[in-house]
Each structure stands twice: as C-alpha cells, then as structure tokens.
N, C-alpha and C. Protein backbone atom coordinates (compact mmCIF):
# COMPACT_ATOMS: atom_id res chain seq x y z
N MET A 1 236.64 231.66 -31.90
CA MET A 1 237.03 230.27 -31.93
C MET A 1 235.96 229.44 -31.25
N SER A 2 235.49 228.38 -31.87
CA SER A 2 234.41 227.57 -31.34
C SER A 2 234.71 226.10 -31.58
N ARG A 3 234.38 225.29 -30.57
CA ARG A 3 234.55 223.85 -30.75
C ARG A 3 233.75 223.10 -29.69
N PRO A 4 233.25 221.88 -30.00
CA PRO A 4 232.57 221.09 -28.98
C PRO A 4 233.56 220.80 -27.86
N PHE A 5 233.09 220.85 -26.67
CA PHE A 5 234.03 220.78 -25.55
C PHE A 5 233.60 219.84 -24.45
N GLY A 6 232.32 219.74 -24.21
CA GLY A 6 231.89 218.93 -23.08
C GLY A 6 230.42 218.65 -23.10
N GLU A 7 229.91 218.25 -21.90
CA GLU A 7 228.50 217.92 -21.81
C GLU A 7 227.96 218.27 -20.43
N VAL A 8 226.65 218.34 -20.37
CA VAL A 8 225.95 218.57 -19.12
C VAL A 8 225.80 217.21 -18.42
N VAL A 9 226.21 217.15 -17.15
CA VAL A 9 226.06 215.93 -16.35
C VAL A 9 224.75 215.97 -15.58
N ALA A 10 224.42 217.15 -15.01
CA ALA A 10 223.21 217.29 -14.21
C ALA A 10 222.76 218.74 -14.24
N VAL A 11 221.47 218.94 -13.98
CA VAL A 11 220.92 220.29 -13.81
C VAL A 11 220.17 220.31 -12.49
N SER A 12 220.21 221.47 -11.82
CA SER A 12 219.64 221.57 -10.48
C SER A 12 219.00 222.93 -10.29
N ILE A 13 218.01 222.99 -9.39
CA ILE A 13 217.23 224.21 -9.18
C ILE A 13 216.68 224.24 -7.77
N SER A 14 216.49 225.46 -7.25
CA SER A 14 215.81 225.65 -5.98
C SER A 14 215.05 226.97 -6.03
N SER A 15 213.79 226.92 -5.68
CA SER A 15 212.97 228.14 -5.69
C SER A 15 213.18 228.99 -4.44
N THR A 16 213.90 228.44 -3.47
CA THR A 16 214.20 229.19 -2.24
C THR A 16 215.71 229.30 -2.08
N HIS A 17 216.13 230.17 -1.18
CA HIS A 17 217.56 230.39 -0.96
C HIS A 17 218.14 229.28 -0.07
N THR A 18 218.10 228.05 -0.56
CA THR A 18 218.71 226.93 0.13
C THR A 18 220.12 226.76 -0.39
N PHE A 19 220.96 226.12 0.41
CA PHE A 19 222.35 225.91 -0.01
C PHE A 19 222.41 224.92 -1.17
N SER A 20 221.74 223.78 -1.02
CA SER A 20 221.72 222.76 -2.06
C SER A 20 220.51 222.96 -2.96
N LYS A 21 220.64 222.49 -4.19
CA LYS A 21 219.55 222.55 -5.16
C LYS A 21 219.16 221.13 -5.54
N GLN A 22 217.91 220.95 -5.91
CA GLN A 22 217.39 219.65 -6.30
C GLN A 22 217.71 219.37 -7.76
N ASN A 23 218.14 218.14 -8.04
CA ASN A 23 218.37 217.74 -9.43
C ASN A 23 217.02 217.71 -10.16
N ALA A 24 217.07 218.02 -11.45
CA ALA A 24 215.87 218.06 -12.28
C ALA A 24 216.16 217.38 -13.61
N ASP A 25 215.10 217.07 -14.33
CA ASP A 25 215.26 216.50 -15.68
C ASP A 25 215.62 217.58 -16.69
N VAL A 26 215.16 218.81 -16.41
CA VAL A 26 215.41 219.93 -17.32
C VAL A 26 215.31 221.24 -16.53
N ILE A 27 216.11 222.22 -16.89
CA ILE A 27 215.94 223.59 -16.40
C ILE A 27 215.79 224.47 -17.64
N HIS A 28 215.16 225.62 -17.46
CA HIS A 28 214.96 226.54 -18.58
C HIS A 28 215.70 227.83 -18.27
N LEU A 29 216.62 228.20 -19.16
CA LEU A 29 217.36 229.44 -19.00
C LEU A 29 216.60 230.56 -19.72
N LEU A 30 216.52 231.71 -19.03
CA LEU A 30 215.82 232.87 -19.57
C LEU A 30 216.81 234.02 -19.75
N ALA A 31 216.89 234.55 -20.96
CA ALA A 31 217.86 235.60 -21.29
C ALA A 31 217.72 236.79 -20.35
N GLY A 32 218.87 237.21 -19.80
CA GLY A 32 218.92 238.37 -18.93
C GLY A 32 218.43 238.13 -17.52
N LEU A 33 217.98 236.91 -17.23
CA LEU A 33 217.38 236.63 -15.92
C LEU A 33 218.02 235.46 -15.18
N GLY A 34 218.23 234.34 -15.87
CA GLY A 34 218.80 233.17 -15.21
C GLY A 34 217.96 231.94 -15.40
N VAL A 35 217.86 231.12 -14.34
CA VAL A 35 217.16 229.84 -14.38
C VAL A 35 215.72 230.04 -13.93
N GLU A 36 214.79 229.75 -14.82
CA GLU A 36 213.37 229.90 -14.50
C GLU A 36 213.03 229.11 -13.24
N GLY A 37 212.39 229.78 -12.27
CA GLY A 37 211.98 229.11 -11.04
C GLY A 37 213.04 229.05 -9.97
N ASP A 38 214.26 229.51 -10.25
CA ASP A 38 215.34 229.48 -9.26
C ASP A 38 215.30 230.76 -8.43
N ALA A 39 215.70 230.67 -7.18
CA ALA A 39 215.69 231.82 -6.27
C ALA A 39 216.61 232.95 -6.74
N HIS A 40 217.58 232.64 -7.58
CA HIS A 40 218.54 233.66 -8.04
C HIS A 40 218.15 234.28 -9.37
N LEU A 41 216.94 233.99 -9.84
CA LEU A 41 216.45 234.54 -11.10
C LEU A 41 216.26 236.05 -10.98
N GLY A 42 216.79 236.80 -11.92
CA GLY A 42 216.54 238.23 -11.94
C GLY A 42 217.66 239.01 -12.61
N ALA A 43 217.31 240.20 -13.09
CA ALA A 43 218.28 241.07 -13.74
C ALA A 43 219.20 241.75 -12.73
N THR A 44 218.72 241.89 -11.48
CA THR A 44 219.55 242.48 -10.42
C THR A 44 219.90 241.39 -9.41
N VAL A 45 220.92 241.64 -8.60
CA VAL A 45 221.44 240.63 -7.67
C VAL A 45 220.35 240.01 -6.81
N LYS A 46 220.52 238.73 -6.53
CA LYS A 46 219.59 237.99 -5.68
C LYS A 46 220.31 237.31 -4.51
N HIS A 47 221.63 237.17 -4.61
CA HIS A 47 222.38 236.59 -3.50
C HIS A 47 222.27 237.53 -2.31
N ARG A 48 221.89 237.01 -1.19
CA ARG A 48 221.55 237.83 -0.02
C ARG A 48 222.65 238.81 0.36
N SER A 49 223.90 238.38 0.36
CA SER A 49 224.99 239.28 0.76
C SER A 49 225.12 240.43 -0.24
N ARG A 50 224.90 240.17 -1.51
CA ARG A 50 224.99 241.21 -2.54
C ARG A 50 223.82 242.18 -2.45
N VAL A 51 222.64 241.65 -2.17
CA VAL A 51 221.45 242.50 -2.02
C VAL A 51 221.65 243.46 -0.86
N ALA A 52 222.26 242.97 0.23
CA ALA A 52 222.50 243.83 1.40
C ALA A 52 223.45 244.98 1.05
N GLN A 53 224.41 244.73 0.17
CA GLN A 53 225.37 245.77 -0.24
C GLN A 53 224.72 246.80 -1.15
N ASP A 54 224.02 246.32 -2.19
CA ASP A 54 223.40 247.22 -3.17
C ASP A 54 222.44 246.39 -4.03
N PRO A 55 221.14 246.46 -3.75
CA PRO A 55 220.18 245.63 -4.48
C PRO A 55 219.99 246.03 -5.95
N THR A 56 220.60 247.13 -6.38
CA THR A 56 220.45 247.55 -7.78
C THR A 56 221.58 247.04 -8.68
N GLN A 57 222.56 246.32 -8.10
CA GLN A 57 223.67 245.80 -8.90
C GLN A 57 223.15 244.83 -9.96
N PRO A 58 223.75 244.79 -11.13
CA PRO A 58 223.35 243.77 -12.12
C PRO A 58 223.69 242.38 -11.60
N ASN A 59 222.85 241.42 -11.94
CA ASN A 59 223.04 240.05 -11.50
C ASN A 59 224.01 239.34 -12.44
N LEU A 60 225.28 239.28 -12.04
CA LEU A 60 226.30 238.58 -12.82
C LEU A 60 226.40 237.12 -12.41
N ARG A 61 225.51 236.70 -11.51
CA ARG A 61 225.52 235.35 -10.95
C ARG A 61 224.19 234.64 -11.21
N GLN A 62 223.69 234.75 -12.44
CA GLN A 62 222.39 234.16 -12.79
C GLN A 62 222.44 232.64 -12.86
N VAL A 63 223.57 232.10 -13.28
CA VAL A 63 223.74 230.66 -13.44
C VAL A 63 225.08 230.26 -12.81
N HIS A 64 225.06 229.21 -12.00
CA HIS A 64 226.27 228.69 -11.36
C HIS A 64 226.60 227.34 -12.00
N LEU A 65 227.84 227.22 -12.49
CA LEU A 65 228.30 225.98 -13.12
C LEU A 65 229.50 225.42 -12.37
N ILE A 66 229.52 224.11 -12.21
CA ILE A 66 230.65 223.40 -11.58
C ILE A 66 230.99 222.21 -12.46
N HIS A 67 232.28 221.92 -12.55
CA HIS A 67 232.75 220.75 -13.31
C HIS A 67 232.70 219.50 -12.43
N ALA A 68 232.15 218.42 -12.97
CA ALA A 68 232.00 217.16 -12.23
C ALA A 68 233.35 216.61 -11.76
N GLU A 69 234.40 216.94 -12.47
CA GLU A 69 235.73 216.48 -12.08
C GLU A 69 236.12 216.99 -10.68
N LEU A 70 235.55 218.12 -10.28
CA LEU A 70 235.81 218.64 -8.93
C LEU A 70 235.28 217.67 -7.88
N PHE A 71 234.13 217.07 -8.12
CA PHE A 71 233.56 216.13 -7.16
C PHE A 71 234.47 214.91 -6.99
N GLU A 72 235.10 214.49 -8.08
CA GLU A 72 236.04 213.37 -8.01
C GLU A 72 237.28 213.76 -7.21
N GLU A 73 237.77 214.99 -7.41
CA GLU A 73 238.90 215.49 -6.64
C GLU A 73 238.55 215.56 -5.16
N LEU A 74 237.36 216.04 -4.85
CA LEU A 74 236.92 216.13 -3.46
C LEU A 74 236.77 214.74 -2.84
N ARG A 75 236.27 213.79 -3.61
CA ARG A 75 236.13 212.40 -3.12
C ARG A 75 237.49 211.85 -2.72
N ASP A 76 238.52 212.15 -3.50
CA ASP A 76 239.87 211.69 -3.19
C ASP A 76 240.38 212.30 -1.88
N SER A 77 239.78 213.44 -1.47
CA SER A 77 240.16 214.10 -0.21
C SER A 77 239.21 213.76 0.93
N GLY A 78 238.30 212.80 0.70
CA GLY A 78 237.42 212.34 1.77
C GLY A 78 236.05 213.00 1.84
N PHE A 79 235.69 213.81 0.85
CA PHE A 79 234.38 214.46 0.84
C PHE A 79 233.46 213.73 -0.13
N GLU A 80 232.17 213.75 0.17
CA GLU A 80 231.17 213.19 -0.73
C GLU A 80 230.25 214.32 -1.16
N VAL A 81 230.38 214.73 -2.41
CA VAL A 81 229.57 215.81 -2.95
C VAL A 81 228.99 215.34 -4.28
N ALA A 82 227.69 215.53 -4.44
CA ALA A 82 226.99 215.14 -5.66
C ALA A 82 226.47 216.39 -6.37
N PRO A 83 226.12 216.28 -7.64
CA PRO A 83 225.59 217.43 -8.38
C PRO A 83 224.43 218.10 -7.64
N GLY A 84 224.50 219.44 -7.61
CA GLY A 84 223.46 220.25 -6.99
C GLY A 84 223.67 220.51 -5.51
N GLN A 85 224.47 219.70 -4.86
CA GLN A 85 224.60 219.80 -3.41
C GLN A 85 225.32 221.06 -2.94
N ILE A 86 226.18 221.65 -3.77
CA ILE A 86 226.84 222.89 -3.32
C ILE A 86 226.36 224.09 -4.14
N GLY A 87 225.11 223.98 -4.59
CA GLY A 87 224.40 225.14 -5.12
C GLY A 87 224.48 225.41 -6.60
N GLU A 88 225.11 224.54 -7.37
CA GLU A 88 225.22 224.84 -8.80
C GLU A 88 223.94 224.46 -9.54
N ASN A 89 223.71 225.18 -10.65
CA ASN A 89 222.58 224.90 -11.53
C ASN A 89 222.94 223.88 -12.60
N ILE A 90 224.19 223.95 -13.08
CA ILE A 90 224.62 223.07 -14.17
C ILE A 90 225.95 222.43 -13.79
N THR A 91 225.97 221.10 -13.82
CA THR A 91 227.20 220.35 -13.59
C THR A 91 227.70 219.89 -14.95
N THR A 92 228.96 220.19 -15.26
CA THR A 92 229.53 219.89 -16.57
C THR A 92 230.60 218.80 -16.47
N ARG A 93 230.99 218.29 -17.62
CA ARG A 93 232.12 217.37 -17.70
C ARG A 93 232.92 217.72 -18.95
N CYS A 94 234.24 217.60 -18.83
CA CYS A 94 235.17 217.80 -19.95
C CYS A 94 235.28 219.26 -20.39
N ILE A 95 235.05 220.18 -19.47
CA ILE A 95 235.29 221.59 -19.73
C ILE A 95 236.11 222.11 -18.56
N SER A 96 237.22 222.74 -18.85
CA SER A 96 238.05 223.33 -17.80
C SER A 96 237.46 224.70 -17.46
N LEU A 97 236.35 224.69 -16.73
CA LEU A 97 235.61 225.92 -16.44
C LEU A 97 236.50 226.98 -15.79
N LEU A 98 237.33 226.58 -14.84
CA LEU A 98 238.13 227.54 -14.08
C LEU A 98 239.20 228.22 -14.91
N SER A 99 239.55 227.64 -16.05
CA SER A 99 240.58 228.25 -16.88
C SER A 99 239.99 229.06 -18.04
N LEU A 100 238.67 229.11 -18.13
CA LEU A 100 238.05 229.93 -19.18
C LEU A 100 238.29 231.41 -18.89
N PRO A 101 238.38 232.23 -19.92
CA PRO A 101 238.50 233.67 -19.68
C PRO A 101 237.14 234.30 -19.43
N THR A 102 237.14 235.46 -18.82
CA THR A 102 235.93 236.25 -18.67
C THR A 102 235.35 236.50 -20.07
N GLY A 103 234.05 236.34 -20.20
CA GLY A 103 233.41 236.56 -21.48
C GLY A 103 233.31 235.34 -22.37
N ALA A 104 233.85 234.19 -21.93
CA ALA A 104 233.69 232.96 -22.72
C ALA A 104 232.20 232.66 -22.84
N ILE A 105 231.82 232.11 -23.98
CA ILE A 105 230.43 231.80 -24.26
C ILE A 105 230.26 230.28 -24.26
N LEU A 106 229.22 229.81 -23.57
CA LEU A 106 228.87 228.39 -23.57
C LEU A 106 227.54 228.24 -24.30
N ARG A 107 227.53 227.50 -25.39
CA ARG A 107 226.30 227.17 -26.11
C ARG A 107 225.90 225.78 -25.61
N ILE A 108 224.75 225.73 -24.96
CA ILE A 108 224.35 224.51 -24.25
C ILE A 108 223.06 223.97 -24.85
N GLY A 109 223.09 222.69 -25.25
CA GLY A 109 221.89 222.05 -25.78
C GLY A 109 221.41 222.69 -27.05
N GLU A 110 220.08 222.75 -27.18
CA GLU A 110 219.44 223.23 -28.41
C GLU A 110 219.68 224.71 -28.68
N SER A 111 219.58 225.55 -27.62
CA SER A 111 219.58 226.99 -27.89
C SER A 111 220.09 227.87 -26.76
N ALA A 112 220.32 227.33 -25.58
CA ALA A 112 220.73 228.14 -24.43
C ALA A 112 222.15 228.66 -24.63
N VAL A 113 222.37 229.92 -24.23
CA VAL A 113 223.70 230.52 -24.32
C VAL A 113 223.99 231.24 -23.00
N VAL A 114 225.16 230.93 -22.41
CA VAL A 114 225.59 231.53 -21.15
C VAL A 114 226.94 232.19 -21.36
N GLU A 115 227.09 233.42 -20.86
CA GLU A 115 228.38 234.10 -20.88
C GLU A 115 228.99 234.02 -19.48
N ILE A 116 230.23 233.56 -19.40
CA ILE A 116 230.91 233.41 -18.11
C ILE A 116 231.35 234.79 -17.62
N THR A 117 230.95 235.11 -16.37
CA THR A 117 231.24 236.42 -15.80
C THR A 117 232.34 236.38 -14.74
N GLY A 118 232.55 235.24 -14.10
CA GLY A 118 233.57 235.18 -13.07
C GLY A 118 233.50 233.93 -12.22
N LEU A 119 234.28 233.94 -11.16
CA LEU A 119 234.40 232.80 -10.26
C LEU A 119 233.44 232.92 -9.09
N ARG A 120 232.93 231.77 -8.65
CA ARG A 120 232.17 231.74 -7.41
C ARG A 120 233.18 231.79 -6.27
N ASN A 121 232.89 232.60 -5.29
CA ASN A 121 233.74 232.70 -4.11
C ASN A 121 233.27 231.67 -3.09
N PRO A 122 234.13 230.72 -2.69
CA PRO A 122 233.71 229.76 -1.66
C PRO A 122 233.30 230.49 -0.39
N CYS A 123 232.22 230.04 0.23
CA CYS A 123 231.70 230.72 1.42
C CYS A 123 231.61 229.76 2.59
N PRO A 124 231.48 230.29 3.82
CA PRO A 124 231.43 229.46 5.01
C PRO A 124 230.28 228.45 5.04
N GLN A 125 229.24 228.66 4.23
CA GLN A 125 228.16 227.67 4.18
C GLN A 125 228.67 226.29 3.75
N LEU A 126 229.76 226.28 3.00
CA LEU A 126 230.34 225.00 2.58
C LEU A 126 230.73 224.16 3.79
N ASN A 127 231.27 224.79 4.84
CA ASN A 127 231.67 224.05 6.03
C ASN A 127 230.47 223.55 6.83
N ARG A 128 229.33 224.24 6.73
CA ARG A 128 228.12 223.75 7.39
C ARG A 128 227.60 222.52 6.66
N PHE A 129 227.86 222.45 5.35
CA PHE A 129 227.45 221.29 4.56
C PHE A 129 228.34 220.09 4.90
N GLN A 130 229.67 220.30 4.86
CA GLN A 130 230.64 219.27 5.25
C GLN A 130 231.85 219.99 5.83
N SER A 131 232.19 219.63 7.03
CA SER A 131 233.30 220.28 7.74
C SER A 131 234.59 220.21 6.91
N GLY A 132 235.22 221.37 6.73
CA GLY A 132 236.48 221.44 6.00
C GLY A 132 236.34 221.62 4.51
N LEU A 133 235.11 221.62 4.00
CA LEU A 133 234.90 221.70 2.55
C LEU A 133 235.36 223.04 1.97
N MET A 134 235.17 224.12 2.72
CA MET A 134 235.59 225.43 2.20
C MET A 134 237.09 225.44 1.91
N ASP A 135 237.88 224.93 2.84
CA ASP A 135 239.33 224.88 2.63
C ASP A 135 239.70 223.99 1.45
N ALA A 136 238.92 222.95 1.21
CA ALA A 136 239.19 222.05 0.09
C ALA A 136 238.91 222.71 -1.25
N LEU A 137 238.11 223.79 -1.22
CA LEU A 137 237.75 224.47 -2.46
C LEU A 137 238.57 225.73 -2.73
N VAL A 138 239.62 225.91 -1.96
CA VAL A 138 240.58 226.98 -2.23
C VAL A 138 241.97 226.38 -2.26
N ASP A 139 242.83 226.99 -3.02
CA ASP A 139 244.21 226.54 -3.13
C ASP A 139 245.06 227.78 -3.42
N HIS A 140 246.34 227.58 -3.58
CA HIS A 140 247.24 228.68 -3.93
C HIS A 140 248.17 228.22 -5.04
N ASP A 141 248.48 229.13 -5.96
CA ASP A 141 249.42 228.80 -7.02
C ASP A 141 250.85 229.03 -6.53
N GLU A 142 251.82 228.86 -7.43
CA GLU A 142 253.24 228.96 -7.07
C GLU A 142 253.61 230.34 -6.52
N GLN A 143 252.87 231.37 -6.95
CA GLN A 143 253.14 232.73 -6.49
C GLN A 143 252.37 233.08 -5.21
N GLY A 144 251.59 232.14 -4.70
CA GLY A 144 250.81 232.39 -3.50
C GLY A 144 249.44 232.99 -3.74
N ASN A 145 249.05 233.13 -5.02
CA ASN A 145 247.74 233.69 -5.34
C ASN A 145 246.63 232.68 -5.04
N LEU A 146 245.52 233.17 -4.55
CA LEU A 146 244.37 232.34 -4.21
C LEU A 146 243.74 231.75 -5.46
N ILE A 147 243.43 230.46 -5.42
CA ILE A 147 242.72 229.78 -6.49
C ILE A 147 241.37 229.34 -5.92
N ARG A 148 240.30 229.84 -6.52
CA ARG A 148 238.95 229.47 -6.11
C ARG A 148 238.47 228.34 -7.01
N LYS A 149 238.03 227.23 -6.41
CA LYS A 149 237.64 226.06 -7.19
C LYS A 149 236.15 225.74 -7.12
N ALA A 150 235.33 226.68 -6.62
CA ALA A 150 233.90 226.41 -6.38
C ALA A 150 233.02 226.68 -7.60
N GLY A 151 233.60 226.71 -8.79
CA GLY A 151 232.81 226.88 -9.99
C GLY A 151 232.84 228.29 -10.54
N VAL A 152 232.06 228.48 -11.60
CA VAL A 152 231.98 229.77 -12.28
C VAL A 152 230.54 230.24 -12.32
N MET A 153 230.40 231.55 -12.53
CA MET A 153 229.08 232.16 -12.62
C MET A 153 228.91 232.73 -14.02
N GLY A 154 227.66 232.86 -14.43
CA GLY A 154 227.40 233.40 -15.75
C GLY A 154 226.05 234.08 -15.85
N ILE A 155 225.87 234.75 -16.97
CA ILE A 155 224.60 235.37 -17.30
C ILE A 155 224.03 234.68 -18.54
N VAL A 156 222.72 234.68 -18.65
CA VAL A 156 222.06 234.02 -19.77
C VAL A 156 221.88 235.02 -20.91
N LEU A 157 222.42 234.66 -22.07
CA LEU A 157 222.29 235.50 -23.27
C LEU A 157 221.13 235.06 -24.16
N ALA A 158 220.82 233.74 -24.15
CA ALA A 158 219.73 233.24 -25.00
C ALA A 158 218.96 232.15 -24.27
N ASN A 159 217.64 232.20 -24.40
CA ASN A 159 216.74 231.22 -23.78
C ASN A 159 217.03 229.82 -24.26
N GLY A 160 216.67 228.86 -23.42
CA GLY A 160 216.71 227.48 -23.86
C GLY A 160 216.65 226.49 -22.73
N PRO A 161 216.17 225.28 -23.04
CA PRO A 161 216.18 224.21 -22.05
C PRO A 161 217.58 223.62 -21.94
N VAL A 162 217.91 223.13 -20.75
CA VAL A 162 219.19 222.45 -20.53
C VAL A 162 218.89 221.15 -19.80
N ARG A 163 219.43 220.06 -20.34
CA ARG A 163 219.18 218.73 -19.78
C ARG A 163 220.50 217.97 -19.62
N PRO A 164 220.52 217.00 -18.69
CA PRO A 164 221.69 216.12 -18.63
C PRO A 164 221.90 215.46 -20.00
N GLY A 165 223.16 215.38 -20.40
CA GLY A 165 223.51 214.80 -21.69
C GLY A 165 223.63 215.81 -22.81
N ASP A 166 223.14 217.04 -22.59
CA ASP A 166 223.26 218.06 -23.63
C ASP A 166 224.72 218.39 -23.90
N PRO A 167 225.07 218.63 -25.17
CA PRO A 167 226.44 219.06 -25.48
C PRO A 167 226.66 220.52 -25.10
N ILE A 168 227.91 220.84 -24.84
CA ILE A 168 228.30 222.22 -24.54
C ILE A 168 229.42 222.60 -25.50
N GLN A 169 229.22 223.70 -26.20
CA GLN A 169 230.23 224.22 -27.11
C GLN A 169 230.78 225.51 -26.49
N VAL A 170 232.10 225.65 -26.51
CA VAL A 170 232.76 226.82 -25.91
C VAL A 170 233.25 227.74 -27.02
N GLU A 171 232.98 229.04 -26.85
CA GLU A 171 233.51 230.06 -27.75
C GLU A 171 234.33 231.03 -26.91
N LEU A 172 235.58 231.17 -27.26
CA LEU A 172 236.44 232.09 -26.52
C LEU A 172 236.30 233.50 -27.07
N PRO A 173 236.39 234.51 -26.20
CA PRO A 173 236.31 235.89 -26.67
C PRO A 173 237.59 236.27 -27.41
N ALA A 174 237.55 237.42 -28.04
CA ALA A 174 238.73 237.93 -28.74
C ALA A 174 239.86 238.17 -27.75
N LEU A 175 241.07 238.07 -28.23
CA LEU A 175 242.25 238.35 -27.42
C LEU A 175 242.36 239.85 -27.19
N PRO A 176 242.96 240.32 -26.14
CA PRO A 176 243.57 239.53 -25.07
C PRO A 176 242.49 239.03 -24.10
N HIS A 177 242.68 237.81 -23.61
CA HIS A 177 241.76 237.23 -22.64
C HIS A 177 241.98 237.82 -21.26
N ARG A 178 240.88 238.03 -20.55
CA ARG A 178 240.94 238.49 -19.16
C ARG A 178 240.66 237.30 -18.25
N PRO A 179 241.52 237.03 -17.28
CA PRO A 179 241.28 235.89 -16.39
C PRO A 179 240.03 236.12 -15.54
N LEU A 180 239.42 235.03 -15.11
CA LEU A 180 238.25 235.12 -14.25
C LEU A 180 238.62 235.68 -12.89
N GLU A 181 237.75 236.52 -12.38
CA GLU A 181 237.89 237.07 -11.03
C GLU A 181 236.62 236.76 -10.27
N ARG A 182 236.64 236.93 -8.97
CA ARG A 182 235.48 236.68 -8.12
C ARG A 182 234.36 237.65 -8.49
N VAL A 183 233.14 237.11 -8.63
CA VAL A 183 231.96 237.96 -8.83
C VAL A 183 230.95 237.69 -7.73
C-alpha cells in the first residue's frame, strides 16, 4: 500500500557526536550507511552507548526522523525546540511517524528510501538541553505502557538527496504489522 503522506520540513547533520545537528539545505542518504558526513554514518553501530556494548552490531539507527508536530506539542508545554536541536536528521510534517509499523518504507524526494527500524529512546541528554525535556518525551497509554515520543530510526535502502519541501511517500509492509520498539 502506497500513498503520498507528508513532506520534509528540515534536514540536519553533524560530523561529530554532538547532541544537536546543524540545519542544511540538503543531506545525502547513502544506502546501507546513513547520512553522508554525519557522525552516525556506517553499517555498524555508531551511537557511543551501542558501540560500548558491541561495536559489530548492525546500525539500525542510520537516520533519525522526528515529526514537526512534536515541536508544537512541546511548545504548548513550555519548551522551545527547533528542527535539528534534538539530534534528528529529517524533520517531517503530516506523517504519524510513531504509529508506523516496523518495516514501513519512506520514499523521500527524488530517490531516497528509508526503512523504519524502531523508536528512538529518549535519553538524559535531553534534560541537559532543556530541563524536563526527557519527561516531556515519554508518556504512558491506558494500560500503563511506555510511549516514546522522541522520533523514529531507520536504515537507508536507496541513495538520494533530501531537502526541505521534498515529498514523502509511505509504504506499509505486508500484514501482520509489527509495532515499533526501541532500537
């Protein structure tokens, strides 16, 4: 199943392991690796905590995406967060990223393709950025299950440039869908 769903609001990159990333006019996605020039580029894990556990793990966190609507929700709670500031590479609009199933495909712009692998786990660095932000990015459903709202992670399946304003088309995997889990 495929349909136009949303658009890219901003793209961001950092060549070092900084918390925030700088906005850019364009980023280039590289199949099997991630965002060209980003500190998290690679076939194996690059996030420091993951490297410490096992540096040979596959990198399921090549691209970090956050929905711009989250920033509006945070603003209503007294936080000021702009694209790139909490580490995402691609800020989207009009896509319910958190409700996508594992394996959903995002076709972005001319040719880039990203497969969603899971949820970003909010980390204590968020509170160093703005006090209380980590708690604002977690919630609980009616059954008491933890809801992570810090975006989704993905792997790059096809090369391509990504720019603000690019359309995003969502393709859902075959049923049964598997809900996103922390990666």
